[in-house]
Amino acid sequence: PTARRLPPARRVEDVQWTRSRGGTRVTITTDGRIGRDRVSELKLGGEQPRLVLRLRGIAEPFRAERLAVASPELLQIRIGYHPAATLEASELHVVLDLASPRAARIGDLEVLDGRRLEVLVGLP
């Protein structure tokens, strides 16, 4: 089905990372349509800098809670489910633990084919 005809995402099927030109690319694949309107992000600094992606409307936890990365930009990916009173308010947090305070998202958070989110983390 086309992206418009996909049902809304309720589950994250996969989280992968790859080294690419310019940094480390993280891809989050869902079981349905996910748009920028359902994703918020927050960069936290300090001794443990991280980029937090919050996916709203996800109905269940992801199968893994931690993925080791160990790239120059990204130490690891942590994933946590935060249920709420309603499905629309429930969130899955994908936390990118940055390897350096200089590491940052490069470019926009992209939505591909309606069901994949991609973010590139690099050292500007």
PDB file of N, CA and C in Angstrom:
ATOM      1  N   PRO A   1       0.818  -1.197   0.000  1.00  0.00           N
ATOM      2  CA  PRO A   1       0.000   0.000   0.000  1.00  0.00           C
ATOM      3  C   PRO A   1       0.862   1.260   0.000  1.00  0.00           C
ATOM      4  N   THR A   2       0.290   2.317  -0.524  1.00  0.00           N
ATOM      5  CA  THR A   2       1.005   3.591  -0.506  1.00  0.00           C
ATOM      6  C   THR A   2       1.011   4.131   0.920  1.00  0.00           C
ATOM      7  N   ALA A   3       1.887   5.103   1.175  1.00  0.00           N
ATOM      8  CA  ALA A   3       2.022   5.661   2.521  1.00  0.00           C
ATOM      9  C   ALA A   3       0.686   6.187   3.048  1.00  0.00           C
ATOM     10  N   ARG A   4      -0.112   6.819   2.185  1.00  0.00           N
ATOM     11  CA  ARG A   4      -1.399   7.372   2.632  1.00  0.00           C
ATOM     12  C   ARG A   4      -2.378   6.284   3.051  1.00  0.00           C
ATOM     13  N   ARG A   5      -2.265   5.110   2.458  1.00  0.00           N
ATOM     14  CA  ARG A   5      -3.224   4.037   2.749  1.00  0.00           C
ATOM     15  C   ARG A   5      -2.785   3.138   3.884  1.00  0.00           C
ATOM     16  N   LEU A   6      -1.569   3.309   4.367  1.00  0.00           N
ATOM     17  CA  LEU A   6      -1.116   2.507   5.489  1.00  0.00           C
ATOM     18  C   LEU A   6      -1.912   2.866   6.739  1.00  0.00           C
ATOM     19  N   PRO A   7      -2.246   1.883   7.562  1.00  0.00           N
ATOM     20  CA  PRO A   7      -2.881   2.216   8.841  1.00  0.00           C
ATOM     21  C   PRO A   7      -1.851   2.904   9.738  1.00  0.00           C
ATOM     22  N   PRO A   8      -2.296   3.617  10.762  1.00  0.00           N
ATOM     23  CA  PRO A   8      -1.349   4.274  11.663  1.00  0.00           C
ATOM     24  C   PRO A   8      -0.431   3.251  12.343  1.00  0.00           C
ATOM     25  N   ALA A   9       0.816   3.624  12.531  1.00  0.00           N
ATOM     26  CA  ALA A   9       1.779   2.745  13.208  1.00  0.00           C
ATOM     27  C   ALA A   9       1.354   2.520  14.650  1.00  0.00           C
ATOM     28  N   ARG A  10       1.445   1.286  15.098  1.00  0.00           N
ATOM     29  CA  ARG A  10       1.153   0.933  16.487  1.00  0.00           C
ATOM     30  C   ARG A  10       2.316   0.189  17.133  1.00  0.00           C
ATOM     31  N   ARG A  11       3.307  -0.205  16.299  1.00  0.00           N
ATOM     32  CA  ARG A  11       4.425  -1.006  16.801  1.00  0.00           C
ATOM     33  C   ARG A  11       5.683  -0.654  16.024  1.00  0.00           C
ATOM     34  N   VAL A  12       6.820  -0.621  16.715  1.00  0.00           N
ATOM     35  CA  VAL A  12       8.110  -0.474  16.050  1.00  0.00           C
ATOM     36  C   VAL A  12       8.604  -1.883  15.741  1.00  0.00           C
ATOM     37  N   GLU A  13       8.861  -2.143  14.467  1.00  0.00           N
ATOM     38  CA  GLU A  13       9.302  -3.463  14.045  1.00  0.00           C
ATOM     39  C   GLU A  13      10.813  -3.627  14.103  1.00  0.00           C
ATOM     40  N   ASP A  14      11.557  -2.538  13.864  1.00  0.00           N
ATOM     41  CA  ASP A  14      13.002  -2.675  13.814  1.00  0.00           C
ATOM     42  C   ASP A  14      13.671  -1.334  14.095  1.00  0.00           C
ATOM     43  N   VAL A  15      14.832  -1.395  14.715  1.00  0.00           N
ATOM     44  CA  VAL A  15      15.701  -0.240  14.899  1.00  0.00           C
ATOM     45  C   VAL A  15      17.089  -0.689  14.476  1.00  0.00           C
ATOM     46  N   GLN A  16      17.656  -0.020  13.485  1.00  0.00           N
ATOM     47  CA  GLN A  16      18.977  -0.389  12.970  1.00  0.00           C
ATOM     48  C   GLN A  16      19.852   0.850  12.884  1.00  0.00           C
ATOM     49  N   TRP A  17      21.144   0.636  12.866  1.00  0.00           N
ATOM     50  CA  TRP A  17      22.092   1.718  12.658  1.00  0.00           C
ATOM     51  C   TRP A  17      23.124   1.253  11.651  1.00  0.00           C
ATOM     52  N   THR A  18      23.626   2.208  10.895  1.00  0.00           N
ATOM     53  CA  THR A  18      24.687   1.933   9.931  1.00  0.00           C
ATOM     54  C   THR A  18      25.636   3.124   9.903  1.00  0.00           C
ATOM     55  N   ARG A  19      26.892   2.835   9.689  1.00  0.00           N
ATOM     56  CA  ARG A  19      27.860   3.908   9.464  1.00  0.00           C
ATOM     57  C   ARG A  19      27.650   4.382   8.044  1.00  0.00           C
ATOM     58  N   SER A  20      27.630   5.673   7.856  1.00  0.00           N
ATOM     59  CA  SER A  20      27.447   6.215   6.518  1.00  0.00           C
ATOM     60  C   SER A  20      28.308   7.451   6.371  1.00  0.00           C
ATOM     61  N   ARG A  21      28.352   7.937   5.176  1.00  0.00           N
ATOM     62  CA  ARG A  21      29.109   9.158   4.930  1.00  0.00           C
ATOM     63  C   ARG A  21      28.550  10.270   5.819  1.00  0.00           C
ATOM     64  N   GLY A  22      29.392  10.844   6.629  1.00  0.00           N
ATOM     65  CA  GLY A  22      28.959  11.946   7.469  1.00  0.00           C
ATOM     66  C   GLY A  22      28.522  11.561   8.860  1.00  0.00           C
ATOM     67  N   GLY A  23      28.490  10.259   9.202  1.00  0.00           N
ATOM     68  CA  GLY A  23      28.096   9.906  10.557  1.00  0.00           C
ATOM     69  C   GLY A  23      27.486   8.525  10.685  1.00  0.00           C
ATOM     70  N   THR A  24      26.589   8.411  11.640  1.00  0.00           N
ATOM     71  CA  THR A  24      25.880   7.169  11.917  1.00  0.00           C
ATOM     72  C   THR A  24      24.400   7.402  11.645  1.00  0.00           C
ATOM     73  N   ARG A  25      23.821   6.573  10.781  1.00  0.00           N
ATOM     74  CA  ARG A  25      22.410   6.706  10.405  1.00  0.00           C
ATOM     75  C   ARG A  25      21.589   5.689  11.200  1.00  0.00           C
ATOM     76  N   VAL A  26      20.540   6.186  11.874  1.00  0.00           N
ATOM     77  CA  VAL A  26      19.628   5.343  12.641  1.00  0.00           C
ATOM     78  C   VAL A  26      18.307   5.283  11.889  1.00  0.00           C
ATOM     79  N   THR A  27      17.806   4.056  11.674  1.00  0.00           N
ATOM     80  CA  THR A  27      16.545   3.847  10.967  1.00  0.00           C
ATOM     81  C   THR A  27      15.576   3.121  11.893  1.00  0.00           C
ATOM     82  N   ILE A  28      14.398   3.693  12.053  1.00  0.00           N
ATOM     83  CA  ILE A  28      13.330   3.115  12.871  1.00  0.00           C
ATOM     84  C   ILE A  28      12.202   2.721  11.920  1.00  0.00           C
ATOM     85  N   THR A  29      11.863   1.432  11.894  1.00  0.00           N
ATOM     86  CA  THR A  29      10.812   0.935  11.004  1.00  0.00           C
ATOM     87  C   THR A  29       9.587   0.556  11.831  1.00  0.00           C
ATOM     88  N   THR A  30       8.423   1.050  11.408  1.00  0.00           N
ATOM     89  CA  THR A  30       7.172   0.782  12.116  1.00  0.00           C
ATOM     90  C   THR A  30       6.281  -0.143  11.287  1.00  0.00           C
ATOM     91  N   ASP A  31       5.181  -0.583  11.893  1.00  0.00           N
ATOM     92  CA  ASP A  31       4.249  -1.472  11.205  1.00  0.00           C
ATOM     93  C   ASP A  31       3.194  -0.721  10.403  1.00  0.00           C
ATOM     94  N   GLY A  32       3.276   0.595  10.389  1.00  0.00           N
ATOM     95  CA  GLY A  32       2.289   1.387   9.659  1.00  0.00           C
ATOM     96  C   GLY A  32       2.790   2.803   9.446  1.00  0.00           C
ATOM     97  N   ARG A  33       1.874   3.690   9.149  1.00  0.00           N
ATOM     98  CA  ARG A  33       2.211   5.071   8.822  1.00  0.00           C
ATOM     99  C   ARG A  33       2.667   5.829  10.072  1.00  0.00           C
ATOM    100  N   ILE A  34       3.805   6.485   9.963  1.00  0.00           N
ATOM    101  CA  ILE A  34       4.307   7.353  11.025  1.00  0.00           C
ATOM    102  C   ILE A  34       4.689   8.673  10.381  1.00  0.00           C
ATOM    103  N   GLY A  35       4.210   9.745  10.921  1.00  0.00           N
ATOM    104  CA  GLY A  35       4.515  11.061  10.358  1.00  0.00           C
ATOM    105  C   GLY A  35       5.246  11.919  11.364  1.00  0.00           C
ATOM    106  N   ARG A  36       5.804  13.012  10.906  1.00  0.00           N
ATOM    107  CA  ARG A  36       6.520  13.941  11.791  1.00  0.00           C
ATOM    108  C   ARG A  36       5.603  14.471  12.896  1.00  0.00           C
ATOM    109  N   ASP A  37       4.296  14.487  12.641  1.00  0.00           N
ATOM    110  CA  ASP A  37       3.361  14.970  13.652  1.00  0.00           C
ATOM    111  C   ASP A  37       3.279  14.049  14.865  1.00  0.00           C
ATOM    112  N   ARG A  38       3.777  12.824  14.751  1.00  0.00           N
ATOM    113  CA  ARG A  38       3.750  11.870  15.864  1.00  0.00           C
ATOM    114  C   ARG A  38       5.127  11.676  16.493  1.00  0.00           C
ATOM    115  N   VAL A  39       6.095  12.461  16.058  1.00  0.00           N
ATOM    116  CA  VAL A  39       7.460  12.325  16.566  1.00  0.00           C
ATOM    117  C   VAL A  39       7.929  13.668  17.106  1.00  0.00           C
ATOM    118  N   SER A  40       8.444  13.653  18.323  1.00  0.00           N
ATOM    119  CA  SER A  40       9.078  14.852  18.857  1.00  0.00           C
ATOM    120  C   SER A  40      10.493  14.481  19.252  1.00  0.00           C
ATOM    121  N   GLU A  41      11.357  15.485  19.272  1.00  0.00           N
ATOM    122  CA  GLU A  41      12.740  15.208  19.635  1.00  0.00           C
ATOM    123  C   GLU A  41      13.245  16.250  20.612  1.00  0.00           C
ATOM    124  N   LEU A  42      14.202  15.821  21.412  1.00  0.00           N
ATOM    125  CA  LEU A  42      14.766  16.668  22.438  1.00  0.00           C
ATOM    126  C   LEU A  42      16.235  16.323  22.559  1.00  0.00           C
ATOM    127  N   LYS A  43      17.104  17.323  22.510  1.00  0.00           N
ATOM    128  CA  LYS A  43      18.531  17.084  22.731  1.00  0.00           C
ATOM    129  C   LYS A  43      18.866  17.512  24.141  1.00  0.00           C
ATOM    130  N   LEU A  44      19.478  16.590  24.883  1.00  0.00           N
ATOM    131  CA  LEU A  44      19.885  16.842  26.252  1.00  0.00           C
ATOM    132  C   LEU A  44      21.403  16.866  26.308  1.00  0.00           C
ATOM    133  N   GLY A  45      21.972  17.886  26.930  1.00  0.00           N
ATOM    134  CA  GLY A  45      23.421  18.018  27.014  1.00  0.00           C
ATOM    135  C   GLY A  45      23.945  17.461  28.320  1.00  0.00           C
ATOM    136  N   GLY A  46      25.030  18.043  28.774  1.00  0.00           N
ATOM    137  CA  GLY A  46      25.616  17.621  30.033  1.00  0.00           C
ATOM    138  C   GLY A  46      26.644  16.532  29.850  1.00  0.00           C
ATOM    139  N   GLU A  47      26.895  15.798  30.943  1.00  0.00           N
ATOM    140  CA  GLU A  47      27.922  14.755  30.924  1.00  0.00           C
ATOM    141  C   GLU A  47      27.533  13.572  30.039  1.00  0.00           C
ATOM    142  N   GLN A  48      26.260  13.330  29.875  1.00  0.00           N
ATOM    143  CA  GLN A  48      25.776  12.229  29.044  1.00  0.00           C
ATOM    144  C   GLN A  48      24.838  12.785  27.977  1.00  0.00           C
ATOM    145  N   PRO A  49      25.396  13.408  26.935  1.00  0.00           N
ATOM    146  CA  PRO A  49      24.529  14.014  25.921  1.00  0.00           C
ATOM    147  C   PRO A  49      23.723  12.952  25.178  1.00  0.00           C
ATOM    148  N   ARG A  50      22.500  13.310  24.835  1.00  0.00           N
ATOM    149  CA  ARG A  50      21.650  12.355  24.117  1.00  0.00           C
ATOM    150  C   ARG A  50      20.589  13.093  23.321  1.00  0.00           C
ATOM    151  N   LEU A  51      20.108  12.391  22.319  1.00  0.00           N
ATOM    152  CA  LEU A  51      19.003  12.856  21.497  1.00  0.00           C
ATOM    153  C   LEU A  51      17.855  11.889  21.741  1.00  0.00           C
ATOM    154  N   VAL A  52      16.717  12.413  22.180  1.00  0.00           N
ATOM    155  CA  VAL A  52      15.560  11.587  22.509  1.00  0.00           C
ATOM    156  C   VAL A  52      14.496  11.786  21.429  1.00  0.00           C
ATOM    157  N   LEU A  53      14.082  10.683  20.796  1.00  0.00           N
ATOM    158  CA  LEU A  53      12.990  10.693  19.824  1.00  0.00           C
ATOM    159  C   LEU A  53      11.791  10.038  20.504  1.00  0.00           C
ATOM    160  N   ARG A  54      10.675  10.768  20.588  1.00  0.00           N
ATOM    161  CA  ARG A  54       9.468  10.242  21.235  1.00  0.00           C
ATOM    162  C   ARG A  54       8.425   9.984  20.166  1.00  0.00           C
ATOM    163  N   LEU A  55       8.039   8.712  20.012  1.00  0.00           N
ATOM    164  CA  LEU A  55       7.044   8.305  19.021  1.00  0.00           C
ATOM    165  C   LEU A  55       5.721   8.093  19.737  1.00  0.00           C
ATOM    166  N   ARG A  56       4.740   8.939  19.428  1.00  0.00           N
ATOM    167  CA  ARG A  56       3.427   8.863  20.067  1.00  0.00           C
ATOM    168  C   ARG A  56       2.519   7.855  19.351  1.00  0.00           C
ATOM    169  N   GLY A  57       1.622   7.244  20.129  1.00  0.00           N
ATOM    170  CA  GLY A  57       0.637   6.333  19.565  1.00  0.00           C
ATOM    171  C   GLY A  57       1.141   4.919  19.353  1.00  0.00           C
ATOM    172  N   ILE A  58       2.264   4.580  19.962  1.00  0.00           N
ATOM    173  CA  ILE A  58       2.808   3.223  19.848  1.00  0.00           C
ATOM    174  C   ILE A  58       2.202   2.387  20.978  1.00  0.00           C
ATOM    175  N   ALA A  59       1.734   1.178  20.649  1.00  0.00           N
ATOM    176  CA  ALA A  59       0.936   0.390  21.584  1.00  0.00           C
ATOM    177  C   ALA A  59       1.718  -0.624  22.409  1.00  0.00           C
ATOM    178  N   GLU A  60       2.981  -0.863  22.095  1.00  0.00           N
ATOM    179  CA  GLU A  60       3.709  -1.903  22.822  1.00  0.00           C
ATOM    180  C   GLU A  60       5.204  -1.622  22.821  1.00  0.00           C
ATOM    181  N   PRO A  61       5.930  -2.246  23.766  1.00  0.00           N
ATOM    182  CA  PRO A  61       7.379  -2.047  23.821  1.00  0.00           C
ATOM    183  C   PRO A  61       8.076  -2.686  22.618  1.00  0.00           C
ATOM    184  N   PHE A  62       9.283  -2.215  22.344  1.00  0.00           N
ATOM    185  CA  PHE A  62      10.139  -2.831  21.330  1.00  0.00           C
ATOM    186  C   PHE A  62      10.834  -4.027  21.967  1.00  0.00           C
ATOM    187  N   ARG A  63      11.228  -4.999  21.163  1.00  0.00           N
ATOM    188  CA  ARG A  63      11.780  -6.256  21.682  1.00  0.00           C
ATOM    189  C   ARG A  63      13.132  -6.094  22.384  1.00  0.00           C
ATOM    190  N   ALA A  64      13.879  -5.054  22.060  1.00  0.00           N
ATOM    191  CA  ALA A  64      15.182  -4.825  22.698  1.00  0.00           C
ATOM    192  C   ALA A  64      15.142  -3.504  23.456  1.00  0.00           C
ATOM    193  N   GLU A  65      15.859  -3.450  24.567  1.00  0.00           N
ATOM    194  CA  GLU A  65      15.921  -2.207  25.333  1.00  0.00           C
ATOM    195  C   GLU A  65      17.209  -1.448  25.079  1.00  0.00           C
ATOM    196  N   ARG A  66      18.212  -2.126  24.497  1.00  0.00           N
ATOM    197  CA  ARG A  66      19.514  -1.498  24.291  1.00  0.00           C
ATOM    198  C   ARG A  66      20.198  -2.119  23.081  1.00  0.00           C
ATOM    199  N   LEU A  67      20.754  -1.251  22.224  1.00  0.00           N
ATOM    200  CA  LEU A  67      21.528  -1.694  21.074  1.00  0.00           C
ATOM    201  C   LEU A  67      22.898  -1.028  21.160  1.00  0.00           C
ATOM    202  N   ALA A  68      23.958  -1.820  21.197  1.00  0.00           N
ATOM    203  CA  ALA A  68      25.310  -1.275  21.242  1.00  0.00           C
ATOM    204  C   ALA A  68      25.679  -0.739  19.863  1.00  0.00           C
ATOM    205  N   VAL A  69      26.304   0.423  19.818  1.00  0.00           N
ATOM    206  CA  VAL A  69      26.714   1.020  18.551  1.00  0.00           C
ATOM    207  C   VAL A  69      28.218   1.249  18.537  1.00  0.00           C
ATOM    208  N   ALA A  70      28.727   2.062  19.452  1.00  0.00           N
ATOM    209  CA  ALA A  70      30.154   2.365  19.584  1.00  0.00           C
ATOM    210  C   ALA A  70      30.759   2.966  18.314  1.00  0.00           C
ATOM    211  N   SER A  71      30.069   3.919  17.709  1.00  0.00           N
ATOM    212  CA  SER A  71      30.628   4.664  16.576  1.00  0.00           C
ATOM    213  C   SER A  71      31.229   5.961  17.128  1.00  0.00           C
ATOM    214  N   PRO A  72      31.952   6.725  16.318  1.00  0.00           N
ATOM    215  CA  PRO A  72      32.507   7.983  16.823  1.00  0.00           C
ATOM    216  C   PRO A  72      31.436   8.983  17.293  1.00  0.00           C
ATOM    217  N   GLU A  73      30.205   8.856  16.790  1.00  0.00           N
ATOM    218  CA  GLU A  73      29.132   9.791  17.134  1.00  0.00           C
ATOM    219  C   GLU A  73      28.143   9.240  18.154  1.00  0.00           C
ATOM    220  N   LEU A  74      27.997   7.935  18.189  1.00  0.00           N
ATOM    221  CA  LEU A  74      26.895   7.318  18.917  1.00  0.00           C
ATOM    222  C   LEU A  74      27.380   6.127  19.737  1.00  0.00           C
ATOM    223  N   LEU A  75      27.169   6.189  21.063  1.00  0.00           N
ATOM    224  CA  LEU A  75      27.585   5.088  21.934  1.00  0.00           C
ATOM    225  C   LEU A  75      26.621   3.910  21.860  1.00  0.00           C
ATOM    226  N   GLN A  76      25.336   4.217  22.023  1.00  0.00           N
ATOM    227  CA  GLN A  76      24.327   3.166  22.054  1.00  0.00           C
ATOM    228  C   GLN A  76      22.953   3.773  21.786  1.00  0.00           C
ATOM    229  N   ILE A  77      21.983   2.873  21.561  1.00  0.00           N
ATOM    230  CA  ILE A  77      20.584   3.260  21.404  1.00  0.00           C
ATOM    231  C   ILE A  77      19.810   2.553  22.510  1.00  0.00           C
ATOM    232  N   ARG A  78      19.059   3.327  23.293  1.00  0.00           N
ATOM    233  CA  ARG A  78      18.202   2.753  24.325  1.00  0.00           C
ATOM    234  C   ARG A  78      16.754   2.989  23.935  1.00  0.00           C
ATOM    235  N   ILE A  79      15.896   2.001  24.222  1.00  0.00           N
ATOM    236  CA  ILE A  79      14.499   2.087  23.808  1.00  0.00           C
ATOM    237  C   ILE A  79      13.622   1.762  25.008  1.00  0.00           C
ATOM    238  N   GLY A  80      12.683   2.660  25.303  1.00  0.00           N
ATOM    239  CA  GLY A  80      11.802   2.445  26.442  1.00  0.00           C
ATOM    240  C   GLY A  80      10.365   2.796  26.111  1.00  0.00           C
ATOM    241  N   TYR A  81       9.461   1.985  26.618  1.00  0.00           N
ATOM    242  CA  TYR A  81       8.031   2.193  26.384  1.00  0.00           C
ATOM    243  C   TYR A  81       7.422   2.918  27.567  1.00  0.00           C
ATOM    244  N   HIS A  82       6.606   3.930  27.280  1.00  0.00           N
ATOM    245  CA  HIS A  82       5.956   4.742  28.312  1.00  0.00           C
ATOM    246  C   HIS A  82       4.444   4.736  28.059  1.00  0.00           C
ATOM    247  N   PRO A  83       3.741   3.729  28.626  1.00  0.00           N
ATOM    248  CA  PRO A  83       2.297   3.658  28.414  1.00  0.00           C
ATOM    249  C   PRO A  83       1.580   4.801  29.122  1.00  0.00           C
ATOM    250  N   ALA A  84       0.435   5.164  28.583  1.00  0.00           N
ATOM    251  CA  ALA A  84      -0.386   6.227  29.168  1.00  0.00           C
ATOM    252  C   ALA A  84      -1.840   5.759  29.199  1.00  0.00           C
ATOM    253  N   ALA A  85      -2.709   6.610  29.691  1.00  0.00           N
ATOM    254  CA  ALA A  85      -4.128   6.266  29.810  1.00  0.00           C
ATOM    255  C   ALA A  85      -4.770   6.006  28.449  1.00  0.00           C
ATOM    256  N   THR A  86      -4.266   6.656  27.402  1.00  0.00           N
ATOM    257  CA  THR A  86      -4.804   6.446  26.063  1.00  0.00           C
ATOM    258  C   THR A  86      -3.678   6.038  25.125  1.00  0.00           C
ATOM    259  N   LEU A  87      -4.029   5.340  24.066  1.00  0.00           N
ATOM    260  CA  LEU A  87      -3.043   4.925  23.072  1.00  0.00           C
ATOM    261  C   LEU A  87      -2.361   6.135  22.457  1.00  0.00           C
ATOM    262  N   GLU A  88      -3.128   7.166  22.163  1.00  0.00           N
ATOM    263  CA  GLU A  88      -2.561   8.355  21.523  1.00  0.00           C
ATOM    264  C   GLU A  88      -1.495   9.019  22.385  1.00  0.00           C
ATOM    265  N   ALA A  89      -1.597   8.884  23.699  1.00  0.00           N
ATOM    266  CA  ALA A  89      -0.630   9.506  24.607  1.00  0.00           C
ATOM    267  C   ALA A  89       0.536   8.579  24.949  1.00  0.00           C
ATOM    268  N   SER A  90       0.418   7.285  24.648  1.00  0.00           N
ATOM    269  CA  SER A  90       1.508   6.343  24.917  1.00  0.00           C
ATOM    270  C   SER A  90       2.665   6.629  23.981  1.00  0.00           C
ATOM    271  N   GLU A  91       3.890   6.474  24.486  1.00  0.00           N
ATOM    272  CA  GLU A  91       5.072   6.802  23.695  1.00  0.00           C
ATOM    273  C   GLU A  91       6.134   5.722  23.791  1.00  0.00           C
ATOM    274  N   LEU A  92       6.862   5.571  22.704  1.00  0.00           N
ATOM    275  CA  LEU A  92       8.078   4.777  22.694  1.00  0.00           C
ATOM    276  C   LEU A  92       9.216   5.778  22.550  1.00  0.00           C
ATOM    277  N   HIS A  93      10.143   5.766  23.500  1.00  0.00           N
ATOM    278  CA  HIS A  93      11.282   6.674  23.452  1.00  0.00           C
ATOM    279  C   HIS A  93      12.482   5.935  22.879  1.00  0.00           C
ATOM    280  N   VAL A  94      13.082   6.505  21.856  1.00  0.00           N
ATOM    281  CA  VAL A  94      14.312   5.989  21.277  1.00  0.00           C
ATOM    282  C   VAL A  94      15.385   7.007  21.653  1.00  0.00           C
ATOM    283  N   VAL A  95      16.296   6.588  22.529  1.00  0.00           N
ATOM    284  CA  VAL A  95      17.306   7.484  23.075  1.00  0.00           C
ATOM    285  C   VAL A  95      18.641   7.174  22.415  1.00  0.00           C
ATOM    286  N   LEU A  96      19.195   8.178  21.741  1.00  0.00           N
ATOM    287  CA  LEU A  96      20.494   8.038  21.109  1.00  0.00           C
ATOM    288  C   LEU A  96      21.528   8.635  22.054  1.00  0.00           C
ATOM    289  N   ASP A  97      22.315   7.784  22.699  1.00  0.00           N
ATOM    290  CA  ASP A  97      23.359   8.251  23.606  1.00  0.00           C
ATOM    291  C   ASP A  97      24.559   8.680  22.766  1.00  0.00           C
ATOM    292  N   LEU A  98      24.801   9.976  22.748  1.00  0.00           N
ATOM    293  CA  LEU A  98      25.837  10.546  21.892  1.00  0.00           C
ATOM    294  C   LEU A  98      27.223  10.305  22.491  1.00  0.00           C
ATOM    295  N   ALA A  99      28.211  10.096  21.635  1.00  0.00           N
ATOM    296  CA  ALA A  99      29.571   9.803  22.073  1.00  0.00           C
ATOM    297  C   ALA A  99      30.340  11.052  22.468  1.00  0.00           C
ATOM    298  N   SER A 100      29.801  12.226  22.123  1.00  0.00           N
ATOM    299  CA  SER A 100      30.506  13.472  22.375  1.00  0.00           C
ATOM    300  C   SER A 100      29.485  14.602  22.464  1.00  0.00           C
ATOM    301  N   PRO A 101      29.781  15.639  23.257  1.00  0.00           N
ATOM    302  CA  PRO A 101      28.889  16.802  23.271  1.00  0.00           C
ATOM    303  C   PRO A 101      28.812  17.491  21.907  1.00  0.00           C
ATOM    304  N   ARG A 102      29.797  17.261  21.044  1.00  0.00           N
ATOM    305  CA  ARG A 102      29.790  17.848  19.704  1.00  0.00           C
ATOM    306  C   ARG A 102      28.862  17.098  18.746  1.00  0.00           C
ATOM    307  N   ALA A 103      28.545  15.843  19.041  1.00  0.00           N
ATOM    308  CA  ALA A 103      27.683  15.054  18.161  1.00  0.00           C
ATOM    309  C   ALA A 103      26.280  15.651  18.116  1.00  0.00           C
ATOM    310  N   ALA A 104      25.674  15.647  16.938  1.00  0.00           N
ATOM    311  CA  ALA A 104      24.353  16.247  16.772  1.00  0.00           C
ATOM    312  C   ALA A 104      23.650  15.632  15.568  1.00  0.00           C
ATOM    313  N   ARG A 105      22.336  15.862  15.518  1.00  0.00           N
ATOM    314  CA  ARG A 105      21.581  15.450  14.338  1.00  0.00           C
ATOM    315  C   ARG A 105      22.043  16.314  13.179  1.00  0.00           C
ATOM    316  N   ILE A 106      22.293  15.681  12.047  1.00  0.00           N
ATOM    317  CA  ILE A 106      22.697  16.374  10.830  1.00  0.00           C
ATOM    318  C   ILE A 106      21.497  16.340   9.882  1.00  0.00           C
ATOM    319  N   GLY A 107      21.030  17.493   9.460  1.00  0.00           N
ATOM    320  CA  GLY A 107      19.875  17.542   8.564  1.00  0.00           C
ATOM    321  C   GLY A 107      18.584  17.261   9.305  1.00  0.00           C
ATOM    322  N   ASP A 108      17.553  16.977   8.541  1.00  0.00           N
ATOM    323  CA  ASP A 108      16.220  16.754   9.100  1.00  0.00           C
ATOM    324  C   ASP A 108      16.002  15.304   9.482  1.00  0.00           C
ATOM    325  N   LEU A 109      15.080  15.099  10.399  1.00  0.00           N
ATOM    326  CA  LEU A 109      14.564  13.766  10.667  1.00  0.00           C
ATOM    327  C   LEU A 109      13.687  13.425   9.474  1.00  0.00           C
ATOM    328  N   GLU A 110      13.994  12.343   8.771  1.00  0.00           N
ATOM    329  CA  GLU A 110      13.288  12.019   7.533  1.00  0.00           C
ATOM    330  C   GLU A 110      12.270  10.907   7.737  1.00  0.00           C
ATOM    331  N   VAL A 111      11.145  10.995   7.038  1.00  0.00           N
ATOM    332  CA  VAL A 111      10.158   9.921   6.982  1.00  0.00           C
ATOM    333  C   VAL A 111      10.246   9.334   5.579  1.00  0.00           C
ATOM    334  N   LEU A 112      10.550   8.039   5.514  1.00  0.00           N
ATOM    335  CA  LEU A 112      10.700   7.356   4.233  1.00  0.00           C
ATOM    336  C   LEU A 112       9.561   6.359   4.054  1.00  0.00           C
ATOM    337  N   ASP A 113       8.988   6.311   2.886  1.00  0.00           N
ATOM    338  CA  ASP A 113       7.868   5.434   2.495  1.00  0.00           C
ATOM    339  C   ASP A 113       6.746   5.363   3.526  1.00  0.00           C
ATOM    340  N   GLY A 114       6.624   6.398   4.350  1.00  0.00           N
ATOM    341  CA  GLY A 114       5.525   6.487   5.300  1.00  0.00           C
ATOM    342  C   GLY A 114       5.694   5.698   6.572  1.00  0.00           C
ATOM    343  N   ARG A 115       6.663   4.765   6.618  1.00  0.00           N
ATOM    344  CA  ARG A 115       6.771   3.910   7.803  1.00  0.00           C
ATOM    345  C   ARG A 115       8.174   3.773   8.379  1.00  0.00           C
ATOM    346  N   ARG A 116       9.119   4.516   7.829  1.00  0.00           N
ATOM    347  CA  ARG A 116      10.489   4.487   8.360  1.00  0.00           C
ATOM    348  C   ARG A 116      10.941   5.907   8.691  1.00  0.00           C
ATOM    349  N   LEU A 117      11.558   6.038   9.851  1.00  0.00           N
ATOM    350  CA  LEU A 117      12.165   7.295  10.262  1.00  0.00           C
ATOM    351  C   LEU A 117      13.680   7.137  10.185  1.00  0.00           C
ATOM    352  N   GLU A 118      14.351   8.150   9.666  1.00  0.00           N
ATOM    353  CA  GLU A 118      15.807   8.110   9.624  1.00  0.00           C
ATOM    354  C   GLU A 118      16.369   9.396  10.189  1.00  0.00           C
ATOM    355  N   VAL A 119      17.435   9.228  10.951  1.00  0.00           N
ATOM    356  CA  VAL A 119      18.149  10.376  11.502  1.00  0.00           C
ATOM    357  C   VAL A 119      19.639  10.095  11.349  1.00  0.00           C
ATOM    358  N   LEU A 120      20.385  11.117  10.943  1.00  0.00           N
ATOM    359  CA  LEU A 120      21.824  11.020  10.810  1.00  0.00           C
ATOM    360  C   LEU A 120      22.462  11.787  11.955  1.00  0.00           C
ATOM    361  N   VAL A 121      23.334  11.115  12.704  1.00  0.00           N
ATOM    362  CA  VAL A 121      24.065  11.737  13.798  1.00  0.00           C
ATOM    363  C   VAL A 121      25.513  11.870  13.359  1.00  0.00           C
ATOM    364  N   GLY A 122      26.038  13.092  13.436  1.00  0.00           N
ATOM    365  CA  GLY A 122      27.408  13.326  13.002  1.00  0.00           C
ATOM    366  C   GLY A 122      28.122  14.305  13.900  1.00  0.00           C
ATOM    367  N   LEU A 123      29.365  14.585  13.526  1.00  0.00           N
ATOM    368  CA  LEU A 123      30.182  15.566  14.228  1.00  0.00           C
ATOM    369  C   LEU A 123      30.359  16.759  13.315  1.00  0.00           C
ATOM    370  N   PRO A 124      29.556  17.815  13.497  1.00  0.00           N
ATOM    371  CA  PRO A 124      29.624  18.965  12.575  1.00  0.00           C
ATOM    372  C   PRO A 124      30.960  19.696  12.661  1.00  0.00           C
TER     373      PRO A 124
END
